[in-house]
Structure formats: structure tokens, C-alpha cells
């Protein structure tokens, strides 16, 4: 597998973008992820915190399908002012 060289949120495209050394990449469209989950306001706040402050962890959870479970267990851990 190619080595990950960057992971960041691109506010212009609303995507978390993963780039690999081999030239490939993955774009995760964040509004689409949010719309696909049944979330509360505190869960969306936690998701926003992840997107801006820990995009790699957000991407990992989206790709392995654990984001919704994390949000249900951990919502309220961070607020937008952290």
C-alpha cells in the first residue's frame, strides 16, 4: 500500500483529503458523511471538531465504519472552542 503523505481538511471542497506517495488520493465529502448519519447537535459538534482538529482520525473512522459509534459514545468531549 502507498505511504500516506498528507491528510487535511479542504474548506473550499468540504472534503478531508488524503494524499499518498504513489500519487493517489481519497477525498471524503464531509457534508455527505454528516447527512448519512442520524446525529444530534452535540454529535455534529464533535464531528466538526474532528474534521478541523484531527482529520486523520476522522478519515480513519469514516473508512472503517466506526465514526457513528464513536460519536454516540463520545459526543460532548469537545466543543468548537477547544
PDB file of N, CA and C in Angstrom:
ATOM      1  N   UNK A   1       0.842  -1.182   0.000  1.00  0.00           N
ATOM      2  CA  UNK A   1       0.000   0.000   0.000  1.00  0.00           C
ATOM      3  C   UNK A   1       0.884   1.241   0.000  1.00  0.00           C
ATOM      4  N   UNK A   2       0.431   2.274  -0.664  1.00  0.00           N
ATOM      5  CA  UNK A   2       1.204   3.510  -0.738  1.00  0.00           C
ATOM      6  C   UNK A   2       1.236   4.228   0.602  1.00  0.00           C
ATOM      7  N   UNK A   3       2.314   4.924   0.848  1.00  0.00           N
ATOM      8  CA  UNK A   3       2.500   5.656   2.085  1.00  0.00           C
ATOM      9  C   UNK A   3       1.691   6.947   2.067  1.00  0.00           C
ATOM     10  N   UNK A   4       0.960   7.207   3.143  1.00  0.00           N
ATOM     11  CA  UNK A   4       0.195   8.436   3.290  1.00  0.00           C
ATOM     12  C   UNK A   4       1.155   9.595   3.501  1.00  0.00           C
ATOM     13  N   UNK A   5       1.025  10.650   2.694  1.00  0.00           N
ATOM     14  CA  UNK A   5       1.923  11.796   2.851  1.00  0.00           C
ATOM     15  C   UNK A   5       1.218  13.030   3.393  1.00  0.00           C
ATOM     16  N   UNK A   6      -0.108  13.104   3.266  1.00  0.00           N
ATOM     17  CA  UNK A   6      -0.822  14.238   3.860  1.00  0.00           C
ATOM     18  C   UNK A   6      -2.286  13.892   4.079  1.00  0.00           C
ATOM     19  N   UNK A   7      -2.856  14.552   5.067  1.00  0.00           N
ATOM     20  CA  UNK A   7      -4.271  14.432   5.368  1.00  0.00           C
ATOM     21  C   UNK A   7      -4.699  15.765   5.950  1.00  0.00           C
ATOM     22  N   UNK A   8      -5.638  16.427   5.259  1.00  0.00           N
ATOM     23  CA  UNK A   8      -6.085  17.724   5.748  1.00  0.00           C
ATOM     24  C   UNK A   8      -7.495  18.005   5.265  1.00  0.00           C
ATOM     25  N   UNK A   9      -8.158  18.911   5.969  1.00  0.00           N
ATOM     26  CA  UNK A   9      -9.484  19.344   5.570  1.00  0.00           C
ATOM     27  C   UNK A   9      -9.334  20.517   4.610  1.00  0.00           C
ATOM     28  N   UNK A  10     -10.006  20.423   3.469  1.00  0.00           N
ATOM     29  CA  UNK A  10     -10.013  21.496   2.480  1.00  0.00           C
ATOM     30  C   UNK A  10     -11.363  22.187   2.571  1.00  0.00           C
ATOM     31  N   UNK A  11     -11.376  23.385   3.131  1.00  0.00           N
ATOM     32  CA  UNK A  11     -12.632  24.098   3.338  1.00  0.00           C
ATOM     33  C   UNK A  11     -13.310  24.467   2.020  1.00  0.00           C
ATOM     34  N   UNK A  12     -12.532  24.634   0.954  1.00  0.00           N
ATOM     35  CA  UNK A  12     -13.096  25.002  -0.344  1.00  0.00           C
ATOM     36  C   UNK A  12     -13.927  23.876  -0.962  1.00  0.00           C
ATOM     37  N   UNK A  13     -13.542  22.637  -0.711  1.00  0.00           N
ATOM     38  CA  UNK A  13     -14.269  21.496  -1.274  1.00  0.00           C
ATOM     39  C   UNK A  13     -15.114  20.765  -0.230  1.00  0.00           C
ATOM     40  N   UNK A  14     -14.976  21.137   1.040  1.00  0.00           N
ATOM     41  CA  UNK A  14     -15.653  20.485   2.166  1.00  0.00           C
ATOM     42  C   UNK A  14     -15.264  19.015   2.252  1.00  0.00           C
ATOM     43  N   UNK A  15     -14.012  18.715   1.910  1.00  0.00           N
ATOM     44  CA  UNK A  15     -13.510  17.337   1.923  1.00  0.00           C
ATOM     45  C   UNK A  15     -12.293  17.199   2.827  1.00  0.00           C
ATOM     46  N   UNK A  16     -12.200  16.054   3.493  1.00  0.00           N
ATOM     47  CA  UNK A  16     -10.936  15.651   4.102  1.00  0.00           C
ATOM     48  C   UNK A  16     -10.194  14.925   2.989  1.00  0.00           C
ATOM     49  N   UNK A  17      -9.006  15.410   2.675  1.00  0.00           N
ATOM     50  CA  UNK A  17      -8.238  14.888   1.543  1.00  0.00           C
ATOM     51  C   UNK A  17      -7.023  14.123   2.034  1.00  0.00           C
ATOM     52  N   UNK A  18      -6.926  12.863   1.620  1.00  0.00           N
ATOM     53  CA  UNK A  18      -5.775  12.028   1.927  1.00  0.00           C
ATOM     54  C   UNK A  18      -4.965  11.885   0.645  1.00  0.00           C
ATOM     55  N   UNK A  19      -3.655  12.125   0.714  1.00  0.00           N
ATOM     56  CA  UNK A  19      -2.776  12.010  -0.443  1.00  0.00           C
ATOM     57  C   UNK A  19      -1.697  10.982  -0.132  1.00  0.00           C
ATOM     58  N   UNK A  20      -1.428  10.144  -1.143  1.00  0.00           N
ATOM     59  CA  UNK A  20      -0.463   9.057  -0.989  1.00  0.00           C
ATOM     60  C   UNK A  20       0.748   9.290  -1.873  1.00  0.00           C
ATOM     61  N   UNK A  21       1.877   8.709  -1.469  1.00  0.00           N
ATOM     62  CA  UNK A  21       3.150   8.893  -2.183  1.00  0.00           C
ATOM     63  C   UNK A  21       3.057   8.448  -3.638  1.00  0.00           C
ATOM     64  N   UNK A  22       2.274   7.472  -3.957  1.00  0.00           N
ATOM     65  CA  UNK A  22       2.151   6.989  -5.324  1.00  0.00           C
ATOM     66  C   UNK A  22       1.330   7.889  -6.230  1.00  0.00           C
ATOM     67  N   UNK A  23       0.839   8.998  -5.698  1.00  0.00           N
ATOM     68  CA  UNK A  23       0.060   9.936  -6.494  1.00  0.00           C
ATOM     69  C   UNK A  23      -1.435   9.790  -6.339  1.00  0.00           C
ATOM     70  N   UNK A  24      -1.874   8.761  -5.669  1.00  0.00           N
ATOM     71  CA  UNK A  24      -3.308   8.554  -5.467  1.00  0.00           C
ATOM     72  C   UNK A  24      -3.833   9.366  -4.299  1.00  0.00           C
ATOM     73  N   UNK A  25      -5.126   9.341  -4.149  1.00  0.00           N
ATOM     74  CA  UNK A  25      -5.727  10.056  -3.040  1.00  0.00           C
ATOM     75  C   UNK A  25      -7.171   9.649  -2.816  1.00  0.00           C
ATOM     76  N   UNK A  26      -7.672  10.049  -1.672  1.00  0.00           N
ATOM     77  CA  UNK A  26      -9.067   9.828  -1.307  1.00  0.00           C
ATOM     78  C   UNK A  26      -9.606  11.158  -0.811  1.00  0.00           C
ATOM     79  N   UNK A  27     -10.779  11.537  -1.308  1.00  0.00           N
ATOM     80  CA  UNK A  27     -11.482  12.718  -0.817  1.00  0.00           C
ATOM     81  C   UNK A  27     -12.753  12.252  -0.127  1.00  0.00           C
ATOM     82  N   UNK A  28     -12.929  12.655   1.128  1.00  0.00           N
ATOM     83  CA  UNK A  28     -14.129  12.309   1.882  1.00  0.00           C
ATOM     84  C   UNK A  28     -14.979  13.569   1.982  1.00  0.00           C
ATOM     85  N   UNK A  29     -16.143  13.556   1.331  1.00  0.00           N
ATOM     86  CA  UNK A  29     -17.037  14.708   1.313  1.00  0.00           C
ATOM     87  C   UNK A  29     -17.792  14.757   2.647  1.00  0.00           C
ATOM     88  N   UNK A  30     -17.400  15.673   3.517  1.00  0.00           N
ATOM     89  CA  UNK A  30     -17.895  15.718   4.892  1.00  0.00           C
ATOM     90  C   UNK A  30     -19.407  15.956   4.994  1.00  0.00           C
ATOM     91  N   UNK A  31     -20.013  16.877   4.230  1.00  0.00           N
ATOM     92  CA  UNK A  31     -21.475  17.022   4.324  1.00  0.00           C
ATOM     93  C   UNK A  31     -22.220  15.740   3.959  1.00  0.00           C
ATOM     94  N   UNK A  32     -21.683  14.964   3.037  1.00  0.00           N
ATOM     95  CA  UNK A  32     -22.305  13.691   2.679  1.00  0.00           C
ATOM     96  C   UNK A  32     -22.252  12.700   3.825  1.00  0.00           C
ATOM     97  N   UNK A  33     -21.122  12.677   4.531  1.00  0.00           N
ATOM     98  CA  UNK A  33     -20.998  11.792   5.696  1.00  0.00           C
ATOM     99  C   UNK A  33     -21.985  12.222   6.768  1.00  0.00           C
ATOM    100  N   UNK A  34     -22.042  13.528   7.046  1.00  0.00           N
ATOM    101  CA  UNK A  34     -22.958  14.036   8.066  1.00  0.00           C
ATOM    102  C   UNK A  34     -24.397  13.691   7.732  1.00  0.00           C
ATOM    103  N   UNK A  35     -24.776  13.840   6.471  1.00  0.00           N
ATOM    104  CA  UNK A  35     -26.147  13.571   6.059  1.00  0.00           C
ATOM    105  C   UNK A  35     -26.498  12.087   6.113  1.00  0.00           C
ATOM    106  N   UNK A  36     -25.495  11.224   6.020  1.00  0.00           N
ATOM    107  CA  UNK A  36     -25.761   9.787   6.030  1.00  0.00           C
ATOM    108  C   UNK A  36     -25.944   9.226   7.439  1.00  0.00           C
ATOM    109  N   UNK A  37     -25.604  10.013   8.449  1.00  0.00           N
ATOM    110  CA  UNK A  37     -25.713   9.562   9.831  1.00  0.00           C
ATOM    111  C   UNK A  37     -26.884  10.247  10.522  1.00  0.00           C
ATOM    112  N   UNK A  38     -27.522   9.547  11.437  1.00  0.00           N
ATOM    113  CA  UNK A  38     -28.586  10.113  12.259  1.00  0.00           C
ATOM    114  C   UNK A  38     -27.925  10.702  13.493  1.00  0.00           C
ATOM    115  N   UNK A  39     -27.676  12.021  13.463  1.00  0.00           N
ATOM    116  CA  UNK A  39     -26.878  12.644  14.517  1.00  0.00           C
ATOM    117  C   UNK A  39     -27.653  13.724  15.263  1.00  0.00           C
ATOM    118  N   UNK A  40     -27.191  13.977  16.479  1.00  0.00           N
ATOM    119  CA  UNK A  40     -27.703  15.081  17.291  1.00  0.00           C
ATOM    120  C   UNK A  40     -26.777  16.279  17.100  1.00  0.00           C
ATOM    121  N   UNK A  41     -27.164  17.404  17.669  1.00  0.00           N
ATOM    122  CA  UNK A  41     -26.335  18.606  17.572  1.00  0.00           C
ATOM    123  C   UNK A  41     -24.974  18.388  18.231  1.00  0.00           C
ATOM    124  N   UNK A  42     -24.935  17.731  19.379  1.00  0.00           N
ATOM    125  CA  UNK A  42     -23.643  17.509  20.042  1.00  0.00           C
ATOM    126  C   UNK A  42     -22.765  16.551  19.237  1.00  0.00           C
ATOM    127  N   UNK A  43     -23.386  15.596  18.545  1.00  0.00           N
ATOM    128  CA  UNK A  43     -22.614  14.681  17.697  1.00  0.00           C
ATOM    129  C   UNK A  43     -22.040  15.433  16.499  1.00  0.00           C
ATOM    130  N   UNK A  44     -22.803  16.348  15.919  1.00  0.00           N
ATOM    131  CA  UNK A  44     -22.292  17.142  14.796  1.00  0.00           C
ATOM    132  C   UNK A  44     -21.166  18.065  15.247  1.00  0.00           C
ATOM    133  N   UNK A  45     -21.290  18.595  16.459  1.00  0.00           N
ATOM    134  CA  UNK A  45     -20.222  19.434  17.002  1.00  0.00           C
ATOM    135  C   UNK A  45     -18.941  18.632  17.151  1.00  0.00           C
ATOM    136  N   UNK A  46     -19.051  17.407  17.662  1.00  0.00           N
ATOM    137  CA  UNK A  46     -17.879  16.534  17.807  1.00  0.00           C
ATOM    138  C   UNK A  46     -17.298  16.201  16.437  1.00  0.00           C
ATOM    139  N   UNK A  47     -18.161  15.947  15.460  1.00  0.00           N
ATOM    140  CA  UNK A  47     -17.690  15.642  14.114  1.00  0.00           C
ATOM    141  C   UNK A  47     -16.946  16.842  13.524  1.00  0.00           C
ATOM    142  N   UNK A  48     -17.486  18.043  13.723  1.00  0.00           N
ATOM    143  CA  UNK A  48     -16.811  19.249  13.237  1.00  0.00           C
ATOM    144  C   UNK A  48     -15.447  19.415  13.906  1.00  0.00           C
ATOM    145  N   UNK A  49     -15.381  19.132  15.204  1.00  0.00           N
ATOM    146  CA  UNK A  49     -14.099  19.245  15.903  1.00  0.00           C
ATOM    147  C   UNK A  49     -13.083  18.283  15.280  1.00  0.00           C
ATOM    148  N   UNK A  50     -13.502  17.059  15.030  1.00  0.00           N
ATOM    149  CA  UNK A  50     -12.612  16.076  14.413  1.00  0.00           C
ATOM    150  C   UNK A  50     -12.129  16.540  13.042  1.00  0.00           C
ATOM    151  N   UNK A  51     -13.044  17.028  12.225  1.00  0.00           N
ATOM    152  CA  UNK A  51     -12.700  17.454  10.867  1.00  0.00           C
ATOM    153  C   UNK A  51     -11.626  18.530  10.894  1.00  0.00           C
ATOM    154  N   UNK A  52     -11.768  19.509  11.775  1.00  0.00           N
ATOM    155  CA  UNK A  52     -10.829  20.629  11.816  1.00  0.00           C
ATOM    156  C   UNK A  52      -9.553  20.339  12.599  1.00  0.00           C
ATOM    157  N   UNK A  53      -9.646  19.497  13.625  1.00  0.00           N
ATOM    158  CA  UNK A  53      -8.511  19.302  14.529  1.00  0.00           C
ATOM    159  C   UNK A  53      -7.833  17.942  14.423  1.00  0.00           C
ATOM    160  N   UNK A  54      -8.536  16.955  13.927  1.00  0.00           N
ATOM    161  CA  UNK A  54      -7.980  15.602  13.823  1.00  0.00           C
ATOM    162  C   UNK A  54      -8.502  14.931  12.553  1.00  0.00           C
ATOM    163  N   UNK A  55      -8.193  15.507  11.382  1.00  0.00           N
ATOM    164  CA  UNK A  55      -8.758  14.957  10.145  1.00  0.00           C
ATOM    165  C   UNK A  55      -8.345  13.518   9.850  1.00  0.00           C
ATOM    166  N   UNK A  56      -7.148  13.116  10.260  1.00  0.00           N
ATOM    167  CA  UNK A  56      -6.724  11.740  10.021  1.00  0.00           C
ATOM    168  C   UNK A  56      -7.582  10.759  10.823  1.00  0.00           C
ATOM    169  N   UNK A  57      -7.851  11.076  12.079  1.00  0.00           N
ATOM    170  CA  UNK A  57      -8.698  10.208  12.891  1.00  0.00           C
ATOM    171  C   UNK A  57     -10.115  10.173  12.322  1.00  0.00           C
ATOM    172  N   UNK A  58     -10.615  11.322  11.869  1.00  0.00           N
ATOM    173  CA  UNK A  58     -11.930  11.370  11.228  1.00  0.00           C
ATOM    174  C   UNK A  58     -11.950  10.453  10.004  1.00  0.00           C
ATOM    175  N   UNK A  59     -10.948  10.575   9.150  1.00  0.00           N
ATOM    176  CA  UNK A  59     -10.880   9.763   7.932  1.00  0.00           C
ATOM    177  C   UNK A  59     -10.814   8.275   8.266  1.00  0.00           C
ATOM    178  N   UNK A  60     -10.011   7.921   9.252  1.00  0.00           N
ATOM    179  CA  UNK A  60      -9.899   6.506   9.648  1.00  0.00           C
ATOM    180  C   UNK A  60     -11.254   5.960  10.087  1.00  0.00           C
ATOM    181  N   UNK A  61     -11.978   6.733  10.896  1.00  0.00           N
ATOM    182  CA  UNK A  61     -13.274   6.255  11.386  1.00  0.00           C
ATOM    183  C   UNK A  61     -14.310   6.187  10.265  1.00  0.00           C
ATOM    184  N   UNK A  62     -14.279   7.135   9.336  1.00  0.00           N
ATOM    185  CA  UNK A  62     -15.206   7.077   8.201  1.00  0.00           C
ATOM    186  C   UNK A  62     -14.914   5.835   7.371  1.00  0.00           C
ATOM    187  N   UNK A  63     -13.637   5.606   7.069  1.00  0.00           N
ATOM    188  CA  UNK A  63     -13.269   4.494   6.196  1.00  0.00           C
ATOM    189  C   UNK A  63     -13.469   3.127   6.839  1.00  0.00           C
ATOM    190  N   UNK A  64     -13.318   3.034   8.162  1.00  0.00           N
ATOM    191  CA  UNK A  64     -13.522   1.718   8.789  1.00  0.00           C
ATOM    192  C   UNK A  64     -14.917   1.551   9.392  1.00  0.00           C
ATOM    193  N   UNK A  65     -15.773   2.574   9.242  1.00  0.00           N
ATOM    194  CA  UNK A  65     -17.163   2.463   9.662  1.00  0.00           C
ATOM    195  C   UNK A  65     -17.429   2.627  11.143  1.00  0.00           C
ATOM    196  N   UNK A  66     -16.486   3.213  11.876  1.00  0.00           N
ATOM    197  CA  UNK A  66     -16.661   3.356  13.319  1.00  0.00           C
ATOM    198  C   UNK A  66     -17.051   4.763  13.769  1.00  0.00           C
ATOM    199  N   UNK A  67     -17.222   5.689  12.831  1.00  0.00           N
ATOM    200  CA  UNK A  67     -17.498   7.087  13.197  1.00  0.00           C
ATOM    201  C   UNK A  67     -18.798   7.220  13.979  1.00  0.00           C
ATOM    202  N   UNK A  68     -19.867   6.612  13.526  1.00  0.00           N
ATOM    203  CA  UNK A  68     -21.149   6.777  14.214  1.00  0.00           C
ATOM    204  C   UNK A  68     -21.090   6.240  15.641  1.00  0.00           C
ATOM    205  N   UNK A  69     -20.457   5.094  15.839  1.00  0.00           N
ATOM    206  CA  UNK A  69     -20.306   4.550  17.189  1.00  0.00           C
ATOM    207  C   UNK A  69     -19.485   5.468  18.081  1.00  0.00           C
ATOM    208  N   UNK A  70     -18.407   6.009  17.546  1.00  0.00           N
ATOM    209  CA  UNK A  70     -17.583   6.964  18.299  1.00  0.00           C
ATOM    210  C   UNK A  70     -18.420   8.169  18.695  1.00  0.00           C
ATOM    211  N   UNK A  71     -19.192   8.705  17.769  1.00  0.00           N
ATOM    212  CA  UNK A  71     -19.995   9.884  18.052  1.00  0.00           C
ATOM    213  C   UNK A  71     -21.054   9.602  19.105  1.00  0.00           C
ATOM    214  N   UNK A  72     -21.648   8.426  19.059  1.00  0.00           N
ATOM    215  CA  UNK A  72     -22.675   8.074  20.048  1.00  0.00           C
ATOM    216  C   UNK A  72     -22.067   7.941  21.444  1.00  0.00           C
ATOM    217  N   UNK A  73     -20.840   7.436  21.520  1.00  0.00           N
ATOM    218  CA  UNK A  73     -20.186   7.254  22.820  1.00  0.00           C
ATOM    219  C   UNK A  73     -19.481   8.513  23.303  1.00  0.00           C
ATOM    220  N   UNK A  74     -18.924   9.298  22.370  1.00  0.00           N
ATOM    221  CA  UNK A  74     -18.043  10.392  22.773  1.00  0.00           C
ATOM    222  C   UNK A  74     -18.533  11.783  22.498  1.00  0.00           C
ATOM    223  N   UNK A  75     -19.784  11.959  22.080  1.00  0.00           N
ATOM    224  CA  UNK A  75     -20.229  13.318  21.792  1.00  0.00           C
ATOM    225  C   UNK A  75     -20.215  14.147  23.068  1.00  0.00           C
ATOM    226  N   UNK A  76     -19.803  15.376  22.930  1.00  0.00           N
ATOM    227  CA  UNK A  76     -19.669  16.269  24.056  1.00  0.00           C
ATOM    228  C   UNK A  76     -18.275  16.345  24.612  1.00  0.00           C
ATOM    229  N   UNK A  77     -17.343  15.529  24.092  1.00  0.00           N
ATOM    230  CA  UNK A  77     -15.957  15.578  24.578  1.00  0.00           C
ATOM    231  C   UNK A  77     -15.279  16.876  24.190  1.00  0.00           C
ATOM    232  N   UNK A  78     -15.606  17.395  23.011  1.00  0.00           N
ATOM    233  CA  UNK A  78     -15.003  18.619  22.528  1.00  0.00           C
ATOM    234  C   UNK A  78     -16.108  19.591  22.129  1.00  0.00           C
ATOM    235  N   UNK A  79     -15.831  20.856  22.290  1.00  0.00           N
ATOM    236  CA  UNK A  79     -16.739  21.832  21.703  1.00  0.00           C
ATOM    237  C   UNK A  79     -15.942  22.652  20.714  1.00  0.00           C
ATOM    238  N   UNK A  80     -16.590  23.481  19.969  1.00  0.00           N
ATOM    239  CA  UNK A  80     -15.912  24.211  18.898  1.00  0.00           C
ATOM    240  C   UNK A  80     -14.868  25.193  19.410  1.00  0.00           C
ATOM    241  N   UNK A  81     -14.899  25.507  20.711  1.00  0.00           N
ATOM    242  CA  UNK A  81     -13.928  26.449  21.266  1.00  0.00           C
ATOM    243  C   UNK A  81     -12.647  25.765  21.730  1.00  0.00           C
ATOM    244  N   UNK A  82     -12.595  24.421  21.757  1.00  0.00           N
ATOM    245  CA  UNK A  82     -11.376  23.695  22.185  1.00  0.00           C
ATOM    246  C   UNK A  82     -10.269  23.877  21.193  1.00  0.00           C
TER     247      UNK A  82
END
